[in-house]
């Protein structure tokens, strides 16, 4: 997820949207911001509602030497190294499927859960 989406989840956290899977969680967000979309947030630790601003979160990460955009790139690379398909990686990172197969036929959530479990391990 993007930093802005992480801040939204923390500020608006609702326990009923967070489902524990085997070794990780899937939080249903279904948020669209212009061309950017995020349907589900995959995460490995429990979270709770927290009041935090985007700028505070960004500054905190920069103080720790972490650039949020590189976290997404790191996750993309690791998922690809594990053999996760481009369609599933795009789905997990909120990109719109580009193929008819990805748009209409694949159950991308089920595939993402299976593949994220390997990543979480």
PDB file of N, CA and C in Angstrom:
ATOM      1  N   UNK A   1       0.826  -1.178   0.000  1.00  0.00           N
ATOM      2  CA  UNK A   1       0.000   0.000   0.000  1.00  0.00           C
ATOM      3  C   UNK A   1       0.867   1.237   0.000  1.00  0.00           C
ATOM      4  N   UNK A   2       0.279   2.309  -0.378  1.00  0.00           N
ATOM      5  CA  UNK A   2       0.976   3.582  -0.366  1.00  0.00           C
ATOM      6  C   UNK A   2       0.893   4.179   1.045  1.00  0.00           C
ATOM      7  N   UNK A   3       1.759   5.131   1.353  1.00  0.00           N
ATOM      8  CA  UNK A   3       1.765   5.756   2.670  1.00  0.00           C
ATOM      9  C   UNK A   3       0.420   6.412   2.969  1.00  0.00           C
ATOM     10  N   UNK A   4      -0.143   7.102   1.996  1.00  0.00           N
ATOM     11  CA  UNK A   4      -1.432   7.771   2.214  1.00  0.00           C
ATOM     12  C   UNK A   4      -2.513   6.751   2.600  1.00  0.00           C
ATOM     13  N   UNK A   5      -2.467   5.578   1.992  1.00  0.00           N
ATOM     14  CA  UNK A   5      -3.440   4.535   2.307  1.00  0.00           C
ATOM     15  C   UNK A   5      -3.200   3.976   3.707  1.00  0.00           C
ATOM     16  N   UNK A   6      -1.932   3.839   4.092  1.00  0.00           N
ATOM     17  CA  UNK A   6      -1.610   3.363   5.441  1.00  0.00           C
ATOM     18  C   UNK A   6      -2.144   4.331   6.488  1.00  0.00           C
ATOM     19  N   UNK A   7      -1.979   5.615   6.240  1.00  0.00           N
ATOM     20  CA  UNK A   7      -2.490   6.631   7.168  1.00  0.00           C
ATOM     21  C   UNK A   7      -4.010   6.557   7.248  1.00  0.00           C
ATOM     22  N   UNK A   8      -4.670   6.361   6.116  1.00  0.00           N
ATOM     23  CA  UNK A   8      -6.137   6.242   6.110  1.00  0.00           C
ATOM     24  C   UNK A   8      -6.582   5.030   6.929  1.00  0.00           C
ATOM     25  N   UNK A   9      -5.925   3.896   6.744  1.00  0.00           N
ATOM     26  CA  UNK A   9      -6.280   2.696   7.506  1.00  0.00           C
ATOM     27  C   UNK A   9      -6.117   2.958   8.999  1.00  0.00           C
ATOM     28  N   UNK A  10      -5.005   3.556   9.400  1.00  0.00           N
ATOM     29  CA  UNK A  10      -4.765   3.812  10.816  1.00  0.00           C
ATOM     30  C   UNK A  10      -5.787   4.789  11.404  1.00  0.00           C
ATOM     31  N   UNK A  11      -6.134   5.822  10.658  1.00  0.00           N
ATOM     32  CA  UNK A  11      -7.074   6.823  11.156  1.00  0.00           C
ATOM     33  C   UNK A  11      -8.512   6.320  11.182  1.00  0.00           C
ATOM     34  N   UNK A  12      -8.866   5.437  10.256  1.00  0.00           N
ATOM     35  CA  UNK A  12     -10.256   4.993  10.144  1.00  0.00           C
ATOM     36  C   UNK A  12     -10.420   3.505  10.449  1.00  0.00           C
ATOM     37  N   UNK A  13      -9.458   2.911  11.126  1.00  0.00           N
ATOM     38  CA  UNK A  13      -9.459   1.480  11.376  1.00  0.00           C
ATOM     39  C   UNK A  13     -10.788   1.000  11.943  1.00  0.00           C
ATOM     40  N   UNK A  14     -11.317  -0.057  11.327  1.00  0.00           N
ATOM     41  CA  UNK A  14     -12.550  -0.699  11.786  1.00  0.00           C
ATOM     42  C   UNK A  14     -12.272  -2.197  11.872  1.00  0.00           C
ATOM     43  N   UNK A  15     -12.353  -2.730  13.057  1.00  0.00           N
ATOM     44  CA  UNK A  15     -12.003  -4.128  13.306  1.00  0.00           C
ATOM     45  C   UNK A  15     -12.752  -5.097  12.402  1.00  0.00           C
ATOM     46  N   UNK A  16     -13.990  -4.776  12.049  1.00  0.00           N
ATOM     47  CA  UNK A  16     -14.780  -5.704  11.229  1.00  0.00           C
ATOM     48  C   UNK A  16     -14.245  -5.834   9.804  1.00  0.00           C
ATOM     49  N   UNK A  17     -13.407  -4.897   9.375  1.00  0.00           N
ATOM     50  CA  UNK A  17     -12.815  -4.959   8.033  1.00  0.00           C
ATOM     51  C   UNK A  17     -11.501  -5.730   8.008  1.00  0.00           C
ATOM     52  N   UNK A  18     -11.037  -6.171   9.166  1.00  0.00           N
ATOM     53  CA  UNK A  18      -9.748  -6.829   9.272  1.00  0.00           C
ATOM     54  C   UNK A  18      -9.955  -8.329   9.507  1.00  0.00           C
ATOM     55  N   UNK A  19      -9.526  -9.155   8.575  1.00  0.00           N
ATOM     56  CA  UNK A  19      -9.724 -10.600   8.661  1.00  0.00           C
ATOM     57  C   UNK A  19      -8.381 -11.281   8.864  1.00  0.00           C
ATOM     58  N   UNK A  20      -8.297 -12.095   9.892  1.00  0.00           N
ATOM     59  CA  UNK A  20      -7.063 -12.843  10.155  1.00  0.00           C
ATOM     60  C   UNK A  20      -7.035 -14.072   9.267  1.00  0.00           C
ATOM     61  N   UNK A  21      -5.970 -14.213   8.523  1.00  0.00           N
ATOM     62  CA  UNK A  21      -5.735 -15.383   7.691  1.00  0.00           C
ATOM     63  C   UNK A  21      -4.674 -16.236   8.382  1.00  0.00           C
ATOM     64  N   UNK A  22      -4.149 -17.194   7.686  1.00  0.00           N
ATOM     65  CA  UNK A  22      -3.116 -18.062   8.239  1.00  0.00           C
ATOM     66  C   UNK A  22      -1.754 -17.367   8.147  1.00  0.00           C
ATOM     67  N   UNK A  23      -1.361 -16.636   9.190  1.00  0.00           N
ATOM     68  CA  UNK A  23      -0.056 -15.985   9.222  1.00  0.00           C
ATOM     69  C   UNK A  23      -0.046 -14.536   8.803  1.00  0.00           C
ATOM     70  N   UNK A  24      -1.199 -13.961   8.487  1.00  0.00           N
ATOM     71  CA  UNK A  24      -1.274 -12.552   8.099  1.00  0.00           C
ATOM     72  C   UNK A  24      -2.720 -12.075   8.196  1.00  0.00           C
ATOM     73  N   UNK A  25      -2.930 -10.794   7.901  1.00  0.00           N
ATOM     74  CA  UNK A  25      -4.261 -10.197   7.927  1.00  0.00           C
ATOM     75  C   UNK A  25      -4.572  -9.586   6.560  1.00  0.00           C
ATOM     76  N   UNK A  26      -5.881  -9.507   6.257  1.00  0.00           N
ATOM     77  CA  UNK A  26      -6.347  -8.802   5.064  1.00  0.00           C
ATOM     78  C   UNK A  26      -7.394  -7.795   5.521  1.00  0.00           C
ATOM     79  N   UNK A  27      -7.098  -6.527   5.309  1.00  0.00           N
ATOM     80  CA  UNK A  27      -8.004  -5.438   5.686  1.00  0.00           C
ATOM     81  C   UNK A  27      -8.711  -4.947   4.420  1.00  0.00           C
ATOM     82  N   UNK A  28     -10.040  -4.931   4.441  1.00  0.00           N
ATOM     83  CA  UNK A  28     -10.814  -4.448   3.289  1.00  0.00           C
ATOM     84  C   UNK A  28     -10.921  -2.938   3.380  1.00  0.00           C
ATOM     85  N   UNK A  29     -10.387  -2.245   2.365  1.00  0.00           N
ATOM     86  CA  UNK A  29     -10.403  -0.783   2.345  1.00  0.00           C
ATOM     87  C   UNK A  29     -11.319  -0.237   1.246  1.00  0.00           C
ATOM     88  N   UNK A  30     -11.234  -0.783   0.035  1.00  0.00           N
ATOM     89  CA  UNK A  30     -12.054  -0.320  -1.093  1.00  0.00           C
ATOM     90  C   UNK A  30     -12.065   1.202  -1.214  1.00  0.00           C
ATOM     91  N   UNK A  31     -10.912   1.777  -1.449  1.00  0.00           N
ATOM     92  CA  UNK A  31     -10.762   3.227  -1.544  1.00  0.00           C
ATOM     93  C   UNK A  31     -10.166   3.591  -2.890  1.00  0.00           C
ATOM     94  N   UNK A  32     -10.756   4.592  -3.527  1.00  0.00           N
ATOM     95  CA  UNK A  32     -10.249   5.105  -4.792  1.00  0.00           C
ATOM     96  C   UNK A  32      -9.907   6.569  -4.595  1.00  0.00           C
ATOM     97  N   UNK A  33      -8.717   6.932  -5.050  1.00  0.00           N
ATOM     98  CA  UNK A  33      -8.240   8.307  -4.969  1.00  0.00           C
ATOM     99  C   UNK A  33      -7.710   8.670  -6.342  1.00  0.00           C
ATOM    100  N   UNK A  34      -8.572   9.273  -7.165  1.00  0.00           N
ATOM    101  CA  UNK A  34      -8.188   9.537  -8.551  1.00  0.00           C
ATOM    102  C   UNK A  34      -7.954   8.212  -9.259  1.00  0.00           C
ATOM    103  N   UNK A  35      -6.822   8.064  -9.953  1.00  0.00           N
ATOM    104  CA  UNK A  35      -6.554   6.795 -10.641  1.00  0.00           C
ATOM    105  C   UNK A  35      -6.000   5.705  -9.708  1.00  0.00           C
ATOM    106  N   UNK A  36      -5.706   6.091  -8.463  1.00  0.00           N
ATOM    107  CA  UNK A  36      -5.120   5.131  -7.520  1.00  0.00           C
ATOM    108  C   UNK A  36      -6.234   4.407  -6.761  1.00  0.00           C
ATOM    109  N   UNK A  37      -6.095   3.078  -6.673  1.00  0.00           N
ATOM    110  CA  UNK A  37      -7.102   2.267  -6.016  1.00  0.00           C
ATOM    111  C   UNK A  37      -6.423   1.331  -5.032  1.00  0.00           C
ATOM    112  N   UNK A  38      -7.135   1.045  -3.969  1.00  0.00           N
ATOM    113  CA  UNK A  38      -6.680  -0.005  -3.067  1.00  0.00           C
ATOM    114  C   UNK A  38      -7.931  -0.712  -2.559  1.00  0.00           C
ATOM    115  N   UNK A  39      -7.970  -1.997  -2.824  1.00  0.00           N
ATOM    116  CA  UNK A  39      -9.121  -2.796  -2.433  1.00  0.00           C
ATOM    117  C   UNK A  39      -8.866  -3.460  -1.086  1.00  0.00           C
ATOM    118  N   UNK A  40      -7.706  -4.049  -0.948  1.00  0.00           N
ATOM    119  CA  UNK A  40      -7.337  -4.780   0.261  1.00  0.00           C
ATOM    120  C   UNK A  40      -5.939  -4.382   0.690  1.00  0.00           C
ATOM    121  N   UNK A  41      -5.718  -4.401   2.000  1.00  0.00           N
ATOM    122  CA  UNK A  41      -4.404  -4.136   2.566  1.00  0.00           C
ATOM    123  C   UNK A  41      -3.944  -5.425   3.240  1.00  0.00           C
ATOM    124  N   UNK A  42      -2.829  -5.948   2.808  1.00  0.00           N
ATOM    125  CA  UNK A  42      -2.247  -7.154   3.380  1.00  0.00           C
ATOM    126  C   UNK A  42      -1.197  -6.723   4.396  1.00  0.00           C
ATOM    127  N   UNK A  43      -1.257  -7.307   5.605  1.00  0.00           N
ATOM    128  CA  UNK A  43      -0.280  -6.937   6.630  1.00  0.00           C
ATOM    129  C   UNK A  43      -0.054  -8.108   7.576  1.00  0.00           C
ATOM    130  N   UNK A  44       1.086  -8.062   8.284  1.00  0.00           N
ATOM    131  CA  UNK A  44       1.457  -9.205   9.115  1.00  0.00           C
ATOM    132  C   UNK A  44       1.273  -8.962  10.605  1.00  0.00           C
ATOM    133  N   UNK A  45       1.099  -7.727  11.030  1.00  0.00           N
ATOM    134  CA  UNK A  45       0.939  -7.458  12.459  1.00  0.00           C
ATOM    135  C   UNK A  45      -0.425  -6.840  12.724  1.00  0.00           C
ATOM    136  N   UNK A  46      -0.871  -6.970  13.956  1.00  0.00           N
ATOM    137  CA  UNK A  46      -2.164  -6.380  14.298  1.00  0.00           C
ATOM    138  C   UNK A  46      -2.028  -4.859  14.268  1.00  0.00           C
ATOM    139  N   UNK A  47      -3.127  -4.191  13.996  1.00  0.00           N
ATOM    140  CA  UNK A  47      -3.133  -2.729  13.952  1.00  0.00           C
ATOM    141  C   UNK A  47      -4.305  -2.224  14.788  1.00  0.00           C
ATOM    142  N   UNK A  48      -4.255  -0.976  15.152  1.00  0.00           N
ATOM    143  CA  UNK A  48      -5.320  -0.347  15.925  1.00  0.00           C
ATOM    144  C   UNK A  48      -5.512   1.070  15.422  1.00  0.00           C
ATOM    145  N   UNK A  49      -6.676   1.614  15.701  1.00  0.00           N
ATOM    146  CA  UNK A  49      -6.975   2.983  15.277  1.00  0.00           C
ATOM    147  C   UNK A  49      -6.005   3.946  15.954  1.00  0.00           C
ATOM    148  N   UNK A  50      -5.423   4.829  15.152  1.00  0.00           N
ATOM    149  CA  UNK A  50      -4.435   5.786  15.619  1.00  0.00           C
ATOM    150  C   UNK A  50      -4.654   7.093  14.882  1.00  0.00           C
ATOM    151  N   UNK A  51      -4.609   8.194  15.581  1.00  0.00           N
ATOM    152  CA  UNK A  51      -4.693   9.496  14.914  1.00  0.00           C
ATOM    153  C   UNK A  51      -3.302   9.905  14.483  1.00  0.00           C
ATOM    154  N   UNK A  52      -3.114   9.994  13.178  1.00  0.00           N
ATOM    155  CA  UNK A  52      -1.800  10.323  12.625  1.00  0.00           C
ATOM    156  C   UNK A  52      -2.021  11.093  11.327  1.00  0.00           C
ATOM    157  N   UNK A  53      -1.180  12.064  11.058  1.00  0.00           N
ATOM    158  CA  UNK A  53      -1.287  12.799   9.803  1.00  0.00           C
ATOM    159  C   UNK A  53      -0.296  12.229   8.797  1.00  0.00           C
ATOM    160  N   UNK A  54      -0.574  12.485   7.548  1.00  0.00           N
ATOM    161  CA  UNK A  54       0.321  12.033   6.479  1.00  0.00           C
ATOM    162  C   UNK A  54       1.722  12.612   6.667  1.00  0.00           C
ATOM    163  N   UNK A  55       1.800  13.924   6.935  1.00  0.00           N
ATOM    164  CA  UNK A  55       3.106  14.571   7.070  1.00  0.00           C
ATOM    165  C   UNK A  55       3.886  14.022   8.262  1.00  0.00           C
ATOM    166  N   UNK A  56       3.209  13.749   9.359  1.00  0.00           N
ATOM    167  CA  UNK A  56       3.886  13.179  10.522  1.00  0.00           C
ATOM    168  C   UNK A  56       4.461  11.805  10.167  1.00  0.00           C
ATOM    169  N   UNK A  57       3.646  10.973   9.536  1.00  0.00           N
ATOM    170  CA  UNK A  57       4.105   9.627   9.159  1.00  0.00           C
ATOM    171  C   UNK A  57       5.279   9.707   8.194  1.00  0.00           C
ATOM    172  N   UNK A  58       5.185  10.582   7.214  1.00  0.00           N
ATOM    173  CA  UNK A  58       6.257  10.732   6.227  1.00  0.00           C
ATOM    174  C   UNK A  58       7.548  11.194   6.896  1.00  0.00           C
ATOM    175  N   UNK A  59       7.444  12.186   7.778  1.00  0.00           N
ATOM    176  CA  UNK A  59       8.637  12.687   8.474  1.00  0.00           C
ATOM    177  C   UNK A  59       9.231  11.623   9.384  1.00  0.00           C
ATOM    178  N   UNK A  60       8.384  10.871  10.063  1.00  0.00           N
ATOM    179  CA  UNK A  60       8.862   9.807  10.941  1.00  0.00           C
ATOM    180  C   UNK A  60       9.652   8.760  10.159  1.00  0.00           C
ATOM    181  N   UNK A  61       9.128   8.368   9.004  1.00  0.00           N
ATOM    182  CA  UNK A  61       9.844   7.392   8.173  1.00  0.00           C
ATOM    183  C   UNK A  61      11.161   7.959   7.659  1.00  0.00           C
ATOM    184  N   UNK A  62      11.150   9.216   7.227  1.00  0.00           N
ATOM    185  CA  UNK A  62      12.386   9.826   6.725  1.00  0.00           C
ATOM    186  C   UNK A  62      13.437   9.947   7.827  1.00  0.00           C
ATOM    187  N   UNK A  63      13.003  10.228   9.068  1.00  0.00           N
ATOM    188  CA  UNK A  63      13.946  10.283  10.188  1.00  0.00           C
ATOM    189  C   UNK A  63      14.618   8.931  10.404  1.00  0.00           C
ATOM    190  N   UNK A  64      13.902   7.862  10.094  1.00  0.00           N
ATOM    191  CA  UNK A  64      14.445   6.510  10.246  1.00  0.00           C
ATOM    192  C   UNK A  64      15.176   6.051   8.989  1.00  0.00           C
ATOM    193  N   UNK A  65      15.258   6.939   7.982  1.00  0.00           N
ATOM    194  CA  UNK A  65      15.973   6.618   6.752  1.00  0.00           C
ATOM    195  C   UNK A  65      15.182   5.738   5.794  1.00  0.00           C
ATOM    196  N   UNK A  66      13.849   5.773   5.901  1.00  0.00           N
ATOM    197  CA  UNK A  66      12.995   4.942   5.055  1.00  0.00           C
ATOM    198  C   UNK A  66      12.192   5.834   4.117  1.00  0.00           C
ATOM    199  N   UNK A  67      12.339   5.613   2.823  1.00  0.00           N
ATOM    200  CA  UNK A  67      11.519   6.316   1.833  1.00  0.00           C
ATOM    201  C   UNK A  67      10.360   5.387   1.457  1.00  0.00           C
ATOM    202  N   UNK A  68       9.105   5.775   1.745  1.00  0.00           N
ATOM    203  CA  UNK A  68       7.955   4.890   1.529  1.00  0.00           C
ATOM    204  C   UNK A  68       7.873   4.286   0.128  1.00  0.00           C
ATOM    205  N   UNK A  69       8.242   5.064  -0.901  1.00  0.00           N
ATOM    206  CA  UNK A  69       8.110   4.516  -2.258  1.00  0.00           C
ATOM    207  C   UNK A  69       9.039   3.326  -2.480  1.00  0.00           C
ATOM    208  N   UNK A  70      10.146   3.287  -1.747  1.00  0.00           N
ATOM    209  CA  UNK A  70      11.067   2.162  -1.905  1.00  0.00           C
ATOM    210  C   UNK A  70      10.570   0.911  -1.191  1.00  0.00           C
ATOM    211  N   UNK A  71       9.724   1.086  -0.186  1.00  0.00           N
ATOM    212  CA  UNK A  71       9.129  -0.072   0.471  1.00  0.00           C
ATOM    213  C   UNK A  71       8.239  -0.808  -0.524  1.00  0.00           C
ATOM    214  N   UNK A  72       7.405  -0.060  -1.268  1.00  0.00           N
ATOM    215  CA  UNK A  72       6.549  -0.679  -2.294  1.00  0.00           C
ATOM    216  C   UNK A  72       7.391  -1.379  -3.358  1.00  0.00           C
ATOM    217  N   UNK A  73       8.479  -0.751  -3.775  1.00  0.00           N
ATOM    218  CA  UNK A  73       9.351  -1.356  -4.787  1.00  0.00           C
ATOM    219  C   UNK A  73      10.015  -2.618  -4.250  1.00  0.00           C
ATOM    220  N   UNK A  74      10.427  -2.593  -2.985  1.00  0.00           N
ATOM    221  CA  UNK A  74      11.032  -3.761  -2.361  1.00  0.00           C
ATOM    222  C   UNK A  74      10.036  -4.919  -2.340  1.00  0.00           C
ATOM    223  N   UNK A  75       8.803  -4.643  -1.911  1.00  0.00           N
ATOM    224  CA  UNK A  75       7.779  -5.685  -1.845  1.00  0.00           C
ATOM    225  C   UNK A  75       7.498  -6.241  -3.238  1.00  0.00           C
ATOM    226  N   UNK A  76       7.392  -5.378  -4.227  1.00  0.00           N
ATOM    227  CA  UNK A  76       7.168  -5.828  -5.601  1.00  0.00           C
ATOM    228  C   UNK A  76       8.276  -6.772  -6.050  1.00  0.00           C
ATOM    229  N   UNK A  77       9.510  -6.394  -5.796  1.00  0.00           N
ATOM    230  CA  UNK A  77      10.653  -7.213  -6.193  1.00  0.00           C
ATOM    231  C   UNK A  77      10.636  -8.562  -5.486  1.00  0.00           C
ATOM    232  N   UNK A  78      10.386  -8.558  -4.177  1.00  0.00           N
ATOM    233  CA  UNK A  78      10.361  -9.817  -3.423  1.00  0.00           C
ATOM    234  C   UNK A  78       9.227 -10.723  -3.884  1.00  0.00           C
ATOM    235  N   UNK A  79       8.050 -10.162  -4.158  1.00  0.00           N
ATOM    236  CA  UNK A  79       6.940 -10.971  -4.662  1.00  0.00           C
ATOM    237  C   UNK A  79       7.307 -11.595  -6.009  1.00  0.00           C
ATOM    238  N   UNK A  80       7.939 -10.804  -6.881  1.00  0.00           N
ATOM    239  CA  UNK A  80       8.352 -11.331  -8.183  1.00  0.00           C
ATOM    240  C   UNK A  80       9.395 -12.432  -8.023  1.00  0.00           C
ATOM    241  N   UNK A  81      10.330 -12.261  -7.086  1.00  0.00           N
ATOM    242  CA  UNK A  81      11.341 -13.295  -6.829  1.00  0.00           C
ATOM    243  C   UNK A  81      10.711 -14.598  -6.355  1.00  0.00           C
ATOM    244  N   UNK A  82       9.571 -14.494  -5.673  1.00  0.00           N
ATOM    245  CA  UNK A  82       8.856 -15.684  -5.196  1.00  0.00           C
ATOM    246  C   UNK A  82       8.007 -16.324  -6.291  1.00  0.00           C
ATOM    247  N   UNK A  83       7.995 -15.713  -7.473  1.00  0.00           N
ATOM    248  CA  UNK A  83       7.247 -16.271  -8.586  1.00  0.00           C
ATOM    249  C   UNK A  83       5.793 -15.842  -8.651  1.00  0.00           C
ATOM    250  N   UNK A  84       5.434 -14.785  -7.925  1.00  0.00           N
ATOM    251  CA  UNK A  84       4.062 -14.276  -7.959  1.00  0.00           C
ATOM    252  C   UNK A  84       3.838 -13.599  -9.310  1.00  0.00           C
ATOM    253  N   UNK A  85       2.692 -13.872  -9.918  1.00  0.00           N
ATOM    254  CA  UNK A  85       2.412 -13.319 -11.247  1.00  0.00           C
ATOM    255  C   UNK A  85       2.236 -11.802 -11.190  1.00  0.00           C
ATOM    256  N   UNK A  86       2.493 -11.150 -12.302  1.00  0.00           N
ATOM    257  CA  UNK A  86       2.366  -9.695 -12.400  1.00  0.00           C
ATOM    258  C   UNK A  86       0.934  -9.252 -12.111  1.00  0.00           C
ATOM    259  N   UNK A  87      -0.065 -10.044 -12.535  1.00  0.00           N
ATOM    260  CA  UNK A  87      -1.468  -9.690 -12.279  1.00  0.00           C
ATOM    261  C   UNK A  87      -1.753  -9.634 -10.780  1.00  0.00           C
ATOM    262  N   UNK A  88      -1.221 -10.601 -10.040  1.00  0.00           N
ATOM    263  CA  UNK A  88      -1.459 -10.644  -8.592  1.00  0.00           C
ATOM    264  C   UNK A  88      -0.701  -9.513  -7.892  1.00  0.00           C
ATOM    265  N   UNK A  89       0.527  -9.256  -8.303  1.00  0.00           N
ATOM    266  CA  UNK A  89       1.288  -8.151  -7.715  1.00  0.00           C
ATOM    267  C   UNK A  89       0.564  -6.840  -7.957  1.00  0.00           C
ATOM    268  N   UNK A  90       0.101  -6.614  -9.179  1.00  0.00           N
ATOM    269  CA  UNK A  90      -0.642  -5.391  -9.487  1.00  0.00           C
ATOM    270  C   UNK A  90      -1.897  -5.275  -8.627  1.00  0.00           C
ATOM    271  N   UNK A  91      -2.618  -6.370  -8.467  1.00  0.00           N
ATOM    272  CA  UNK A  91      -3.820  -6.375  -7.640  1.00  0.00           C
ATOM    273  C   UNK A  91      -3.480  -6.009  -6.199  1.00  0.00           C
ATOM    274  N   UNK A  92      -2.445  -6.628  -5.654  1.00  0.00           N
ATOM    275  CA  UNK A  92      -2.062  -6.371  -4.267  1.00  0.00           C
ATOM    276  C   UNK A  92      -1.617  -4.929  -4.064  1.00  0.00           C
ATOM    277  N   UNK A  93      -1.077  -4.310  -5.101  1.00  0.00           N
ATOM    278  CA  UNK A  93      -0.601  -2.943  -4.964  1.00  0.00           C
ATOM    279  C   UNK A  93      -1.579  -1.915  -5.518  1.00  0.00           C
ATOM    280  N   UNK A  94      -2.793  -2.349  -5.813  1.00  0.00           N
ATOM    281  CA  UNK A  94      -3.843  -1.416  -6.189  1.00  0.00           C
ATOM    282  C   UNK A  94      -3.802  -0.929  -7.622  1.00  0.00           C
ATOM    283  N   UNK A  95      -3.135  -1.661  -8.485  1.00  0.00           N
ATOM    284  CA  UNK A  95      -3.125  -1.281  -9.905  1.00  0.00           C
ATOM    285  C   UNK A  95      -4.270  -1.995 -10.609  1.00  0.00           C
ATOM    286  N   UNK A  96      -4.873  -1.321 -11.559  1.00  0.00           N
ATOM    287  CA  UNK A  96      -5.983  -1.885 -12.308  1.00  0.00           C
ATOM    288  C   UNK A  96      -5.487  -2.973 -13.242  1.00  0.00           C
ATOM    289  N   UNK A  97      -6.168  -4.151 -13.257  1.00  0.00           N
ATOM    290  CA  UNK A  97      -5.757  -5.211 -14.186  1.00  0.00           C
ATOM    291  C   UNK A  97      -5.808  -4.721 -15.626  1.00  0.00           C
ATOM    292  N   UNK A  98      -4.807  -5.100 -16.400  1.00  0.00           N
ATOM    293  CA  UNK A  98      -4.736  -4.629 -17.782  1.00  0.00           C
ATOM    294  C   UNK A  98      -5.251  -5.655 -18.775  1.00  0.00           C
ATOM    295  N   UNK A  99      -5.382  -6.901 -18.354  1.00  0.00           N
ATOM    296  CA  UNK A  99      -5.833  -7.924 -19.298  1.00  0.00           C
ATOM    297  C   UNK A  99      -7.278  -8.320 -19.019  1.00  0.00           C
ATOM    298  N   UNK A 100      -7.948  -8.847 -20.018  1.00  0.00           N
ATOM    299  CA  UNK A 100      -9.313  -9.348 -19.866  1.00  0.00           C
ATOM    300  C   UNK A 100      -9.328 -10.473 -18.837  1.00  0.00           C
ATOM    301  N   UNK A 101      -8.305 -11.315 -18.860  1.00  0.00           N
ATOM    302  CA  UNK A 101      -8.207 -12.415 -17.898  1.00  0.00           C
ATOM    303  C   UNK A 101      -8.199 -11.867 -16.471  1.00  0.00           C
ATOM    304  N   UNK A 102      -7.360 -10.884 -16.211  1.00  0.00           N
ATOM    305  CA  UNK A 102      -7.255 -10.305 -14.874  1.00  0.00           C
ATOM    306  C   UNK A 102      -8.487  -9.529 -14.454  1.00  0.00           C
ATOM    307  N   UNK A 103      -9.137  -8.860 -15.415  1.00  0.00           N
ATOM    308  CA  UNK A 103     -10.308  -8.049 -15.091  1.00  0.00           C
ATOM    309  C   UNK A 103     -11.532  -8.892 -14.784  1.00  0.00           C
ATOM    310  N   UNK A 104     -11.708 -10.000 -15.507  1.00  0.00           N
ATOM    311  CA  UNK A 104     -12.995 -10.682 -15.452  1.00  0.00           C
ATOM    312  C   UNK A 104     -12.970 -12.131 -14.981  1.00  0.00           C
ATOM    313  N   UNK A 105     -11.844 -12.783 -15.038  1.00  0.00           N
ATOM    314  CA  UNK A 105     -11.874 -14.224 -14.821  1.00  0.00           C
ATOM    315  C   UNK A 105     -11.070 -14.728 -13.623  1.00  0.00           C
ATOM    316  N   UNK A 106      -9.972 -14.089 -13.327  1.00  0.00           N
ATOM    317  CA  UNK A 106      -9.151 -14.577 -12.219  1.00  0.00           C
ATOM    318  C   UNK A 106      -9.744 -14.119 -10.892  1.00  0.00           C
ATOM    319  N   UNK A 107      -9.731 -14.986  -9.902  1.00  0.00           N
ATOM    320  CA  UNK A 107     -10.086 -14.587  -8.544  1.00  0.00           C
ATOM    321  C   UNK A 107      -8.797 -14.080  -7.908  1.00  0.00           C
ATOM    322  N   UNK A 108      -8.524 -12.809  -8.129  1.00  0.00           N
ATOM    323  CA  UNK A 108      -7.241 -12.245  -7.716  1.00  0.00           C
ATOM    324  C   UNK A 108      -7.088 -12.213  -6.198  1.00  0.00           C
ATOM    325  N   UNK A 109      -8.179 -12.040  -5.448  1.00  0.00           N
ATOM    326  CA  UNK A 109      -8.062 -12.044  -3.993  1.00  0.00           C
ATOM    327  C   UNK A 109      -7.603 -13.406  -3.487  1.00  0.00           C
ATOM    328  N   UNK A 110      -8.191 -14.479  -3.994  1.00  0.00           N
ATOM    329  CA  UNK A 110      -7.787 -15.826  -3.566  1.00  0.00           C
ATOM    330  C   UNK A 110      -6.326 -16.098  -3.919  1.00  0.00           C
ATOM    331  N   UNK A 111      -5.921 -15.699  -5.112  1.00  0.00           N
ATOM    332  CA  UNK A 111      -4.527 -15.883  -5.525  1.00  0.00           C
ATOM    333  C   UNK A 111      -3.586 -15.027  -4.672  1.00  0.00           C
ATOM    334  N   UNK A 112      -4.003 -13.803  -4.376  1.00  0.00           N
ATOM    335  CA  UNK A 112      -3.173 -12.908  -3.575  1.00  0.00           C
ATOM    336  C   UNK A 112      -2.984 -13.456  -2.163  1.00  0.00           C
ATOM    337  N   UNK A 113      -4.036 -14.013  -1.582  1.00  0.00           N
ATOM    338  CA  UNK A 113      -3.918 -14.599  -0.237  1.00  0.00           C
ATOM    339  C   UNK A 113      -2.921 -15.752  -0.232  1.00  0.00           C
ATOM    340  N   UNK A 114      -3.009 -16.592  -1.247  1.00  0.00           N
ATOM    341  CA  UNK A 114      -2.095 -17.742  -1.341  1.00  0.00           C
ATOM    342  C   UNK A 114      -0.645 -17.263  -1.493  1.00  0.00           C
ATOM    343  N   UNK A 115      -0.445 -16.277  -2.355  1.00  0.00           N
ATOM    344  CA  UNK A 115       0.913 -15.800  -2.620  1.00  0.00           C
ATOM    345  C   UNK A 115       1.455 -14.948  -1.476  1.00  0.00           C
ATOM    346  N   UNK A 116       0.597 -14.163  -0.822  1.00  0.00           N
ATOM    347  CA  UNK A 116       1.074 -13.322   0.272  1.00  0.00           C
ATOM    348  C   UNK A 116       1.531 -14.169   1.452  1.00  0.00           C
ATOM    349  N   UNK A 117       0.901 -15.300   1.641  1.00  0.00           N
ATOM    350  CA  UNK A 117       1.306 -16.198   2.726  1.00  0.00           C
ATOM    351  C   UNK A 117       2.785 -16.564   2.560  1.00  0.00           C
ATOM    352  N   UNK A 118       3.192 -16.856   1.339  1.00  0.00           N
ATOM    353  CA  UNK A 118       4.613 -17.186   1.091  1.00  0.00           C
ATOM    354  C   UNK A 118       5.499 -15.986   1.370  1.00  0.00           C
ATOM    355  N   UNK A 119       5.053 -14.794   0.982  1.00  0.00           N
ATOM    356  CA  UNK A 119       5.818 -13.585   1.215  1.00  0.00           C
ATOM    357  C   UNK A 119       5.949 -13.321   2.716  1.00  0.00           C
ATOM    358  N   UNK A 120       4.850 -13.464   3.464  1.00  0.00           N
ATOM    359  CA  UNK A 120       4.855 -13.201   4.902  1.00  0.00           C
ATOM    360  C   UNK A 120       5.814 -14.135   5.642  1.00  0.00           C
ATOM    361  N   UNK A 121       5.911 -15.366   5.160  1.00  0.00           N
ATOM    362  CA  UNK A 121       6.836 -16.316   5.781  1.00  0.00           C
ATOM    363  C   UNK A 121       8.267 -15.864   5.600  1.00  0.00           C
TER     364      UNK A 121
END
